[in-house]
C-alpha atoms as a PDB file:
ATOM      1  CA  MET A   1      55.609 183.379  77.386  1.00  0.00           C
ATOM      2  CA  ASN A   2      53.717 180.916  79.497  1.00  0.00           C
ATOM      3  CA  LYS A   3      55.105 178.031  81.534  1.00  0.00           C
ATOM      4  CA  ASN A   4      54.799 175.502  78.711  1.00  0.00           C
ATOM      5  CA  THR A   5      56.767 177.708  76.351  1.00  0.00           C
ATOM      6  CA  VAL A   6      59.534 178.130  78.912  1.00  0.00           C
ATOM      7  CA  LEU A   7      59.699 174.361  79.432  1.00  0.00           C
ATOM      8  CA  ALA A   8      59.771 173.817  75.665  1.00  0.00           C
ATOM      9  CA  TRP A   9      62.713 176.196  75.273  1.00  0.00           C
ATOM     10  CA  ALA A  10      64.511 174.601  78.221  1.00  0.00           C
ATOM     11  CA  THR A  11      64.001 171.174  76.638  1.00  0.00           C
ATOM     12  CA  PHE A  12      65.369 172.385  73.309  1.00  0.00           C
ATOM     13  CA  ILE A  13      68.417 174.041  74.873  1.00  0.00           C
ATOM     14  CA  MET A  14      69.186 170.989  77.006  1.00  0.00           C
ATOM     15  CA  CYS A  15      68.899 168.659  73.992  1.00  0.00           C
ATOM     16  CA  PHE A  16      71.240 170.934  72.042  1.00  0.00           C
ATOM     17  CA  MET A  17      73.761 170.963  74.894  1.00  0.00           C
ATOM     18  CA  GLY A  18      73.487 167.189  75.230  1.00  0.00           C
ATOM     19  CA  VAL A  19      74.294 166.698  71.552  1.00  0.00           C
ATOM     20  CA  LEU A  20      77.161 169.181  71.842  1.00  0.00           C
ATOM     21  CA  LEU A  21      78.663 167.428  74.872  1.00  0.00           C
ATOM     22  CA  ILE A  22      78.326 163.964  73.338  1.00  0.00           C
ATOM     23  CA  GLY A  23      79.944 165.299  70.167  1.00  0.00           C
ATOM     24  CA  LEU A  24      82.819 166.752  72.182  1.00  0.00           C
ATOM     25  CA  GLY A  25      83.284 163.453  73.953  1.00  0.00           C
ATOM     26  CA  ALA A  26      83.227 161.474  70.722  1.00  0.00           C
ATOM     27  CA  PHE A  27      85.291 163.672  68.416  1.00  0.00           C
ATOM     28  CA  ARG A  28      87.434 166.027  70.496  1.00  0.00           C
ATOM     29  CA  TYR A  29      88.631 164.029  73.484  1.00  0.00           C
ATOM     30  CA  ASP A  30      90.014 160.558  72.844  1.00  0.00           C
ATOM     31  CA  ASP A  31      91.007 159.723  76.415  1.00  0.00           C
ATOM     32  CA  VAL A  32      88.983 159.183  79.596  1.00  0.00           C
ATOM     33  CA  ALA A  33      87.641 162.753  79.511  1.00  0.00           C
ATOM     34  CA  GLY A  34      85.570 161.825  76.456  1.00  0.00           C
ATOM     35  CA  TRP A  35      83.614 159.297  78.504  1.00  0.00           C
ATOM     36  CA  GLY A  36      82.877 162.001  81.074  1.00  0.00           C
ATOM     37  CA  PHE A  37      81.628 164.442  78.447  1.00  0.00           C
ATOM     38  CA  ALA A  38      79.403 161.748  76.929  1.00  0.00           C
ATOM     39  CA  ALA A  39      77.993 160.806  80.350  1.00  0.00           C
ATOM     40  CA  VAL A  40      77.142 164.430  81.121  1.00  0.00           C
ATOM     41  CA  GLY A  41      75.523 164.748  77.685  1.00  0.00           C
ATOM     42  CA  ILE A  42      73.316 161.728  78.428  1.00  0.00           C
ATOM     43  CA  GLY A  43      72.414 163.377  81.743  1.00  0.00           C
ATOM     44  CA  PHE A  44      71.322 166.486  79.843  1.00  0.00           C
ATOM     45  CA  PHE A  45      69.059 164.288  77.701  1.00  0.00           C
ATOM     46  CA  ALA A  46      67.539 162.768  80.849  1.00  0.00           C
ATOM     47  CA  ASN A  47      66.810 166.215  82.286  1.00  0.00           C
ATOM     48  CA  ALA A  48      65.325 167.366  78.983  1.00  0.00           C
ATOM     49  CA  TRP A  49      63.068 164.306  78.997  1.00  0.00           C
ATOM     50  CA  VAL A  50      61.797 165.268  82.468  1.00  0.00           C
ATOM     51  CA  PHE A  51      61.184 168.865  81.347  1.00  0.00           C
ATOM     52  CA  ASN A  52      59.284 167.605  78.328  1.00  0.00           C
ATOM     53  CA  ALA A  53      57.168 165.326  80.544  1.00  0.00           C
ATOM     54  CA  LEU A  54      56.319 168.301  82.792  1.00  0.00           C
ATOM     55  CA  LYS A  55      54.796 170.324  79.950  1.00  0.00           C
ATOM     56  CA  GLY A  56      51.071 170.680  80.552  1.00  0.00           C
ATOM     57  CA  ARG A  57      51.294 169.422  84.135  1.00  0.00           C
ATOM     58  CA  VAL A  58      52.853 172.432  85.833  1.00  0.00           C
END
């Protein structure tokens, strides 16, 4: 596994976790905690975007 493969897997895992957290916030928690889960899920998407942008440059 080279560096690009590791970054690709990290991007995939972070996107999956982001979708999972946004889904928890939308469907499981109806109170203020749902907004927190959704915000953290969006943060995971932002980090995955950065990892994807780093592929080929590291």
